[in-house]
Amino acid sequence: MDTPGAAPPRDEPELRRAMELLFYAYRDFTGEADALLARDGLGRAHHRVLYFVGAHPGLPVGELLDILKVTKQSLARVLGRLLREGYVRQETGAADRRQRRLFLTPRGAALETRIAAVQCARIQRACDAAGPDAARGFRRVLRQLIGPDDRPRVDRAME
């Protein structure tokens, strides 16, 4: 049964073109961030941590692991460097002393803000060029690309 307002089914070549565009878009979206990160010898994994800690101050390490879907070892390497170099700080949880909550330092916030400004500008230009309803439609498509088990958590984080 068709969903009212849903796009008609697309053939595989059309979906493959969309996939290819997504690869190119991701390359260019991350490329500018990569250049800013490289100045400090950091990479995409560091950026993901900076982004989510900045977006959710006080984020527990366990939740960051769930968001990033990486191993503890992998996160420990990236987070350890960000802590040592003064981009992120951690505090013990008030209710649970075993919990570690993460916050950006002024240095981390400055870097995250520079990267976000460049990436927001790219998205704004793209949405402006694509038309007035582009941003809303783009968000709907991106949300549907997220696995159904993770969507409720993402929806809560977006509120």
N, C-alpha and C. Protein backbone atom coordinates (compact mmCIF):
# COMPACT_ATOMS: atom_id res chain seq x y z
N MET A 1 0.84 -1.18 0.00
CA MET A 1 0.00 0.00 0.00
C MET A 1 0.89 1.25 0.00
N ASP A 2 0.53 2.22 -0.82
CA ASP A 2 1.32 3.44 -0.92
C ASP A 2 1.03 4.37 0.25
N THR A 3 2.07 5.03 0.71
CA THR A 3 1.93 6.03 1.76
C THR A 3 1.64 7.36 1.09
N PRO A 4 0.59 8.07 1.52
CA PRO A 4 0.30 9.37 0.92
C PRO A 4 1.51 10.30 1.02
N GLY A 5 1.83 10.94 -0.08
CA GLY A 5 2.94 11.88 -0.09
C GLY A 5 4.31 11.24 -0.22
N ALA A 6 4.34 9.90 -0.24
CA ALA A 6 5.63 9.23 -0.36
C ALA A 6 6.11 9.30 -1.80
N ALA A 7 7.41 9.34 -1.96
CA ALA A 7 7.98 9.36 -3.30
C ALA A 7 7.74 8.02 -3.98
N PRO A 8 7.57 8.04 -5.29
CA PRO A 8 7.39 6.77 -5.98
C PRO A 8 8.66 5.92 -5.87
N PRO A 9 8.50 4.60 -5.96
CA PRO A 9 9.69 3.76 -5.88
C PRO A 9 10.69 4.15 -6.98
N ARG A 10 11.96 4.05 -6.66
CA ARG A 10 12.99 4.40 -7.63
C ARG A 10 13.67 3.13 -8.11
N ASP A 11 14.15 3.17 -9.31
CA ASP A 11 14.87 2.02 -9.82
C ASP A 11 16.30 2.02 -9.30
N GLU A 12 16.96 0.90 -9.44
CA GLU A 12 18.31 0.77 -8.89
C GLU A 12 19.28 1.80 -9.46
N PRO A 13 19.26 2.08 -10.76
CA PRO A 13 20.19 3.11 -11.24
C PRO A 13 19.99 4.47 -10.56
N GLU A 14 18.75 4.83 -10.29
CA GLU A 14 18.47 6.09 -9.59
C GLU A 14 19.03 6.05 -8.17
N LEU A 15 18.85 4.92 -7.49
CA LEU A 15 19.38 4.79 -6.13
C LEU A 15 20.90 4.80 -6.14
N ARG A 16 21.50 4.20 -7.13
CA ARG A 16 22.96 4.21 -7.24
C ARG A 16 23.48 5.62 -7.48
N ARG A 17 22.77 6.41 -8.25
CA ARG A 17 23.17 7.81 -8.45
C ARG A 17 23.08 8.57 -7.13
N ALA A 18 22.04 8.30 -6.36
CA ALA A 18 21.91 8.94 -5.05
C ALA A 18 23.06 8.52 -4.14
N MET A 19 23.42 7.24 -4.17
CA MET A 19 24.54 6.76 -3.36
C MET A 19 25.83 7.47 -3.76
N GLU A 20 26.03 7.61 -5.06
CA GLU A 20 27.25 8.26 -5.52
C GLU A 20 27.29 9.72 -5.08
N LEU A 21 26.15 10.40 -5.17
CA LEU A 21 26.08 11.78 -4.70
C LEU A 21 26.38 11.86 -3.20
N LEU A 22 25.89 10.88 -2.45
CA LEU A 22 26.15 10.86 -1.01
C LEU A 22 27.65 10.72 -0.73
N PHE A 23 28.33 9.87 -1.51
CA PHE A 23 29.78 9.72 -1.34
C PHE A 23 30.50 11.04 -1.63
N TYR A 24 30.14 11.68 -2.74
CA TYR A 24 30.78 12.96 -3.07
C TYR A 24 30.47 14.03 -2.02
N ALA A 25 29.22 14.09 -1.59
CA ALA A 25 28.82 15.08 -0.59
C ALA A 25 29.58 14.85 0.72
N TYR A 26 29.70 13.60 1.14
CA TYR A 26 30.42 13.28 2.36
C TYR A 26 31.89 13.68 2.23
N ARG A 27 32.47 13.39 1.07
CA ARG A 27 33.88 13.74 0.84
C ARG A 27 34.09 15.24 1.02
N ASP A 28 33.23 16.05 0.41
CA ASP A 28 33.41 17.49 0.47
C ASP A 28 32.99 18.07 1.82
N PHE A 29 31.96 17.50 2.41
CA PHE A 29 31.50 17.95 3.73
C PHE A 29 32.59 17.73 4.78
N THR A 30 33.24 16.58 4.72
CA THR A 30 34.28 16.28 5.70
C THR A 30 35.64 16.86 5.33
N GLY A 31 35.84 17.16 4.05
CA GLY A 31 37.14 17.66 3.60
C GLY A 31 37.54 18.97 4.26
N GLU A 32 36.61 19.90 4.36
CA GLU A 32 36.94 21.17 5.01
C GLU A 32 37.24 20.97 6.49
N ALA A 33 36.46 20.11 7.13
CA ALA A 33 36.71 19.80 8.54
C ALA A 33 38.06 19.12 8.71
N ASP A 34 38.37 18.20 7.81
CA ASP A 34 39.66 17.50 7.88
C ASP A 34 40.83 18.50 7.85
N ALA A 35 40.71 19.51 6.99
CA ALA A 35 41.79 20.50 6.88
C ALA A 35 41.96 21.27 8.19
N LEU A 36 40.86 21.65 8.81
CA LEU A 36 40.94 22.37 10.09
C LEU A 36 41.52 21.47 11.19
N LEU A 37 41.09 20.22 11.21
CA LEU A 37 41.58 19.28 12.21
C LEU A 37 43.07 18.99 12.02
N ALA A 38 43.50 18.89 10.76
CA ALA A 38 44.89 18.55 10.45
C ALA A 38 45.86 19.58 11.01
N ARG A 39 45.43 20.83 11.13
CA ARG A 39 46.28 21.88 11.70
C ARG A 39 46.73 21.52 13.11
N ASP A 40 45.88 20.77 13.82
CA ASP A 40 46.20 20.35 15.18
C ASP A 40 46.61 18.87 15.23
N GLY A 41 46.78 18.27 14.06
CA GLY A 41 47.16 16.86 14.01
C GLY A 41 46.05 15.91 14.41
N LEU A 42 44.81 16.36 14.25
CA LEU A 42 43.65 15.55 14.63
C LEU A 42 42.94 15.02 13.38
N GLY A 43 42.06 14.06 13.58
CA GLY A 43 41.34 13.46 12.47
C GLY A 43 39.84 13.38 12.71
N ARG A 44 39.16 12.64 11.85
CA ARG A 44 37.70 12.55 11.90
C ARG A 44 37.18 11.94 13.19
N ALA A 45 37.89 10.97 13.74
CA ALA A 45 37.43 10.37 15.00
C ALA A 45 37.43 11.43 16.11
N HIS A 46 38.45 12.28 16.11
CA HIS A 46 38.50 13.37 17.10
C HIS A 46 37.34 14.33 16.88
N HIS A 47 37.05 14.62 15.60
CA HIS A 47 35.95 15.53 15.29
C HIS A 47 34.62 14.98 15.80
N ARG A 48 34.38 13.71 15.60
CA ARG A 48 33.11 13.13 16.06
C ARG A 48 32.97 13.29 17.58
N VAL A 49 34.03 13.05 18.30
CA VAL A 49 33.98 13.21 19.76
C VAL A 49 33.73 14.68 20.11
N LEU A 50 34.48 15.57 19.49
CA LEU A 50 34.29 17.00 19.77
C LEU A 50 32.86 17.43 19.46
N TYR A 51 32.33 16.96 18.34
CA TYR A 51 30.97 17.36 17.97
C TYR A 51 29.96 16.92 19.02
N PHE A 52 29.96 15.63 19.35
CA PHE A 52 28.92 15.12 20.25
C PHE A 52 29.10 15.62 21.68
N VAL A 53 30.33 15.79 22.14
CA VAL A 53 30.54 16.34 23.48
C VAL A 53 30.10 17.80 23.50
N GLY A 54 30.37 18.53 22.42
CA GLY A 54 29.94 19.92 22.34
C GLY A 54 28.43 20.05 22.25
N ALA A 55 27.80 19.14 21.52
CA ALA A 55 26.35 19.20 21.35
C ALA A 55 25.61 18.76 22.61
N HIS A 56 26.26 17.94 23.44
CA HIS A 56 25.62 17.38 24.63
C HIS A 56 26.58 17.48 25.83
N PRO A 57 26.80 18.70 26.33
CA PRO A 57 27.73 18.86 27.46
C PRO A 57 27.33 17.95 28.63
N GLY A 58 28.33 17.31 29.21
CA GLY A 58 28.09 16.39 30.31
C GLY A 58 27.76 14.98 29.84
N LEU A 59 27.93 14.74 28.56
CA LEU A 59 27.65 13.42 27.98
C LEU A 59 28.48 12.35 28.68
N PRO A 60 27.83 11.31 29.20
CA PRO A 60 28.60 10.23 29.82
C PRO A 60 29.38 9.44 28.75
N VAL A 61 30.55 8.96 29.13
CA VAL A 61 31.38 8.20 28.20
C VAL A 61 30.60 7.01 27.62
N GLY A 62 29.81 6.33 28.45
CA GLY A 62 29.03 5.18 27.98
C GLY A 62 28.06 5.56 26.87
N GLU A 63 27.44 6.71 27.00
CA GLU A 63 26.52 7.16 25.94
C GLU A 63 27.28 7.52 24.68
N LEU A 64 28.46 8.10 24.83
CA LEU A 64 29.27 8.42 23.66
C LEU A 64 29.66 7.14 22.92
N LEU A 65 29.98 6.10 23.66
CA LEU A 65 30.27 4.81 23.03
C LEU A 65 29.06 4.32 22.23
N ASP A 66 27.87 4.46 22.78
CA ASP A 66 26.65 4.03 22.08
C ASP A 66 26.41 4.86 20.82
N ILE A 67 26.64 6.15 20.91
CA ILE A 67 26.43 7.03 19.76
C ILE A 67 27.40 6.69 18.64
N LEU A 68 28.67 6.56 18.98
CA LEU A 68 29.70 6.36 17.97
C LEU A 68 29.79 4.92 17.48
N LYS A 69 29.28 4.00 18.29
CA LYS A 69 29.36 2.57 17.97
C LYS A 69 30.80 2.15 17.67
N VAL A 70 31.67 2.49 18.62
CA VAL A 70 33.07 2.09 18.55
C VAL A 70 33.41 1.30 19.80
N THR A 71 34.55 0.65 19.78
CA THR A 71 34.99 -0.11 20.94
C THR A 71 35.53 0.84 22.01
N LYS A 72 35.58 0.34 23.24
CA LYS A 72 36.15 1.14 24.33
C LYS A 72 37.60 1.49 24.03
N GLN A 73 38.33 0.52 23.46
CA GLN A 73 39.75 0.76 23.14
C GLN A 73 39.90 1.89 22.13
N SER A 74 39.08 1.85 21.10
CA SER A 74 39.15 2.87 20.06
C SER A 74 38.84 4.25 20.63
N LEU A 75 37.77 4.34 21.41
CA LEU A 75 37.42 5.62 22.02
C LEU A 75 38.49 6.07 23.00
N ALA A 76 39.06 5.13 23.74
CA ALA A 76 40.08 5.49 24.73
C ALA A 76 41.27 6.17 24.07
N ARG A 77 41.68 5.70 22.91
CA ARG A 77 42.82 6.32 22.21
C ARG A 77 42.48 7.76 21.82
N VAL A 78 41.32 7.93 21.19
CA VAL A 78 40.91 9.25 20.70
C VAL A 78 40.64 10.19 21.87
N LEU A 79 39.84 9.74 22.81
CA LEU A 79 39.47 10.58 23.94
C LEU A 79 40.69 10.90 24.80
N GLY A 80 41.55 9.93 24.98
CA GLY A 80 42.77 10.16 25.76
C GLY A 80 43.58 11.31 25.22
N ARG A 81 43.72 11.35 23.92
CA ARG A 81 44.49 12.44 23.31
C ARG A 81 43.77 13.78 23.51
N LEU A 82 42.45 13.80 23.30
CA LEU A 82 41.70 15.05 23.47
C LEU A 82 41.77 15.55 24.91
N LEU A 83 41.78 14.62 25.85
CA LEU A 83 41.92 15.00 27.27
C LEU A 83 43.32 15.53 27.55
N ARG A 84 44.34 14.80 27.10
CA ARG A 84 45.74 15.20 27.34
C ARG A 84 46.06 16.56 26.73
N GLU A 85 45.51 16.82 25.54
CA GLU A 85 45.86 18.05 24.83
C GLU A 85 44.91 19.21 25.13
N GLY A 86 43.99 18.99 26.08
CA GLY A 86 43.18 20.09 26.57
C GLY A 86 41.99 20.50 25.70
N TYR A 87 41.45 19.59 24.93
CA TYR A 87 40.25 19.86 24.14
C TYR A 87 38.98 19.46 24.90
N VAL A 88 39.12 18.45 25.74
CA VAL A 88 37.99 17.88 26.48
C VAL A 88 38.41 17.72 27.92
N ARG A 89 37.46 17.88 28.82
CA ARG A 89 37.71 17.58 30.23
C ARG A 89 36.62 16.61 30.69
N GLN A 90 36.91 15.89 31.74
CA GLN A 90 35.90 14.98 32.27
C GLN A 90 35.70 15.22 33.76
N GLU A 91 34.47 14.98 34.17
CA GLU A 91 34.11 15.11 35.58
C GLU A 91 33.45 13.82 36.02
N THR A 92 33.58 13.52 37.27
CA THR A 92 32.91 12.37 37.86
C THR A 92 31.43 12.69 38.00
N GLY A 93 30.58 11.72 37.71
CA GLY A 93 29.14 11.92 37.84
C GLY A 93 28.74 12.20 39.28
N ALA A 94 27.77 13.07 39.46
CA ALA A 94 27.33 13.42 40.81
C ALA A 94 26.59 12.26 41.47
N ALA A 95 25.71 11.61 40.73
CA ALA A 95 24.92 10.51 41.29
C ALA A 95 25.70 9.20 41.31
N ASP A 96 26.53 8.99 40.29
CA ASP A 96 27.29 7.74 40.18
C ASP A 96 28.75 8.12 40.00
N ARG A 97 29.56 7.91 41.04
CA ARG A 97 30.96 8.31 41.01
C ARG A 97 31.78 7.54 39.97
N ARG A 98 31.25 6.42 39.48
CA ARG A 98 31.95 5.66 38.44
C ARG A 98 31.77 6.29 37.06
N GLN A 99 30.74 7.10 36.93
CA GLN A 99 30.42 7.70 35.64
C GLN A 99 31.36 8.87 35.34
N ARG A 100 31.80 8.93 34.08
CA ARG A 100 32.64 10.04 33.64
C ARG A 100 31.84 10.87 32.63
N ARG A 101 31.66 12.14 32.95
CA ARG A 101 30.92 13.05 32.07
C ARG A 101 31.91 13.94 31.34
N LEU A 102 31.63 14.18 30.06
CA LEU A 102 32.57 14.90 29.20
C LEU A 102 32.08 16.30 28.86
N PHE A 103 33.03 17.23 28.80
CA PHE A 103 32.76 18.61 28.46
C PHE A 103 33.88 19.12 27.57
N LEU A 104 33.56 20.05 26.67
CA LEU A 104 34.60 20.70 25.89
C LEU A 104 35.26 21.76 26.76
N THR A 105 36.56 21.90 26.59
CA THR A 105 37.28 23.01 27.20
C THR A 105 37.13 24.21 26.25
N PRO A 106 37.57 25.38 26.65
CA PRO A 106 37.54 26.51 25.70
C PRO A 106 38.29 26.20 24.40
N ARG A 107 39.41 25.49 24.50
CA ARG A 107 40.17 25.11 23.29
C ARG A 107 39.35 24.18 22.41
N GLY A 108 38.72 23.19 23.01
CA GLY A 108 37.89 22.26 22.24
C GLY A 108 36.68 22.94 21.65
N ALA A 109 36.05 23.82 22.42
CA ALA A 109 34.87 24.54 21.92
C ALA A 109 35.25 25.45 20.76
N ALA A 110 36.41 26.07 20.81
CA ALA A 110 36.83 26.95 19.73
C ALA A 110 37.03 26.16 18.43
N LEU A 111 37.68 25.02 18.54
CA LEU A 111 37.89 24.19 17.34
C LEU A 111 36.57 23.67 16.81
N GLU A 112 35.72 23.15 17.69
CA GLU A 112 34.43 22.62 17.26
C GLU A 112 33.58 23.70 16.62
N THR A 113 33.63 24.90 17.14
CA THR A 113 32.86 26.02 16.59
C THR A 113 33.37 26.40 15.20
N ARG A 114 34.69 26.42 15.01
CA ARG A 114 35.25 26.73 13.68
C ARG A 114 34.80 25.70 12.65
N ILE A 115 34.86 24.43 13.02
CA ILE A 115 34.46 23.37 12.10
C ILE A 115 32.96 23.46 11.81
N ALA A 116 32.17 23.65 12.85
CA ALA A 116 30.72 23.72 12.67
C ALA A 116 30.34 24.89 11.78
N ALA A 117 31.02 26.02 11.91
CA ALA A 117 30.70 27.18 11.08
C ALA A 117 30.91 26.87 9.60
N VAL A 118 32.00 26.20 9.28
CA VAL A 118 32.29 25.85 7.90
C VAL A 118 31.25 24.85 7.38
N GLN A 119 30.94 23.84 8.18
CA GLN A 119 30.00 22.82 7.74
C GLN A 119 28.57 23.35 7.67
N CYS A 120 28.18 24.19 8.62
CA CYS A 120 26.84 24.79 8.57
C CYS A 120 26.70 25.67 7.33
N ALA A 121 27.74 26.41 7.01
CA ALA A 121 27.69 27.27 5.83
C ALA A 121 27.52 26.43 4.56
N ARG A 122 28.19 25.30 4.48
CA ARG A 122 28.06 24.41 3.32
C ARG A 122 26.62 23.90 3.21
N ILE A 123 26.06 23.46 4.32
CA ILE A 123 24.69 22.95 4.30
C ILE A 123 23.72 24.09 3.95
N GLN A 124 23.94 25.27 4.50
CA GLN A 124 23.06 26.40 4.21
C GLN A 124 23.09 26.75 2.73
N ARG A 125 24.28 26.80 2.14
CA ARG A 125 24.38 27.09 0.71
C ARG A 125 23.65 26.04 -0.12
N ALA A 126 23.82 24.79 0.25
CA ALA A 126 23.18 23.70 -0.49
C ALA A 126 21.66 23.79 -0.37
N CYS A 127 21.16 24.04 0.82
CA CYS A 127 19.71 24.14 1.02
C CYS A 127 19.14 25.35 0.31
N ASP A 128 19.85 26.47 0.36
CA ASP A 128 19.39 27.67 -0.34
C ASP A 128 19.28 27.40 -1.84
N ALA A 129 20.28 26.71 -2.38
CA ALA A 129 20.28 26.43 -3.82
C ALA A 129 19.22 25.40 -4.20
N ALA A 130 18.90 24.48 -3.28
CA ALA A 130 17.95 23.40 -3.58
C ALA A 130 16.50 23.82 -3.43
N GLY A 131 16.23 24.89 -2.73
CA GLY A 131 14.85 25.36 -2.61
C GLY A 131 14.35 25.42 -1.19
N PRO A 132 13.18 26.06 -0.99
CA PRO A 132 12.69 26.36 0.35
C PRO A 132 12.37 25.15 1.23
N ASP A 133 11.98 24.03 0.66
CA ASP A 133 11.65 22.86 1.48
C ASP A 133 12.79 21.85 1.55
N ALA A 134 13.94 22.20 1.00
CA ALA A 134 15.04 21.25 0.90
C ALA A 134 15.54 20.79 2.26
N ALA A 135 15.73 21.70 3.20
CA ALA A 135 16.30 21.32 4.49
C ALA A 135 15.40 20.32 5.21
N ARG A 136 14.11 20.57 5.21
CA ARG A 136 13.17 19.66 5.89
C ARG A 136 13.21 18.28 5.22
N GLY A 137 13.16 18.25 3.91
CA GLY A 137 13.20 16.97 3.19
C GLY A 137 14.52 16.25 3.40
N PHE A 138 15.60 16.99 3.40
CA PHE A 138 16.92 16.41 3.61
C PHE A 138 17.00 15.76 4.98
N ARG A 139 16.50 16.45 6.01
CA ARG A 139 16.50 15.88 7.37
C ARG A 139 15.66 14.61 7.42
N ARG A 140 14.52 14.60 6.73
CA ARG A 140 13.68 13.40 6.74
C ARG A 140 14.41 12.22 6.11
N VAL A 141 15.09 12.46 4.99
CA VAL A 141 15.84 11.39 4.33
C VAL A 141 16.96 10.90 5.24
N LEU A 142 17.73 11.83 5.82
CA LEU A 142 18.83 11.42 6.70
C LEU A 142 18.31 10.62 7.89
N ARG A 143 17.21 11.04 8.47
CA ARG A 143 16.63 10.31 9.61
C ARG A 143 16.30 8.89 9.22
N GLN A 144 15.76 8.71 8.02
CA GLN A 144 15.38 7.37 7.58
C GLN A 144 16.60 6.50 7.27
N LEU A 145 17.75 7.11 7.02
CA LEU A 145 18.97 6.34 6.82
C LEU A 145 19.51 5.78 8.13
N ILE A 146 19.10 6.35 9.24
CA ILE A 146 19.52 5.86 10.57
C ILE A 146 18.74 4.59 10.85
N GLY A 147 19.40 3.61 11.43
CA GLY A 147 18.75 2.35 11.77
C GLY A 147 17.55 2.58 12.67
N PRO A 148 16.47 1.81 12.48
CA PRO A 148 15.24 2.04 13.24
C PRO A 148 15.42 1.90 14.75
N ASP A 149 16.35 1.08 15.20
CA ASP A 149 16.56 0.94 16.65
C ASP A 149 17.19 2.19 17.25
N ASP A 150 17.92 2.94 16.45
CA ASP A 150 18.63 4.12 16.95
C ASP A 150 17.83 5.40 16.77
N ARG A 151 16.81 5.39 15.93
CA ARG A 151 16.04 6.61 15.65
C ARG A 151 15.43 7.25 16.89
N PRO A 152 14.82 6.49 17.82
CA PRO A 152 14.24 7.16 19.00
C PRO A 152 15.27 7.94 19.81
N ARG A 153 16.48 7.37 19.98
CA ARG A 153 17.52 8.07 20.73
C ARG A 153 17.96 9.33 19.98
N VAL A 154 18.08 9.22 18.67
CA VAL A 154 18.47 10.38 17.88
C VAL A 154 17.38 11.45 17.94
N ASP A 155 16.12 11.01 17.87
CA ASP A 155 15.01 11.96 17.96
C ASP A 155 15.04 12.71 19.30
N ARG A 156 15.30 11.98 20.39
CA ARG A 156 15.38 12.63 21.71
C ARG A 156 16.53 13.63 21.75
N ALA A 157 17.65 13.26 21.15
CA ALA A 157 18.82 14.15 21.15
C ALA A 157 18.55 15.41 20.33
N MET A 158 17.71 15.29 19.33
CA MET A 158 17.40 16.44 18.46
C MET A 158 16.43 17.42 19.10
N GLU A 159 15.71 16.98 20.13
CA GLU A 159 14.71 17.86 20.76
C GLU A 159 15.35 18.95 21.56
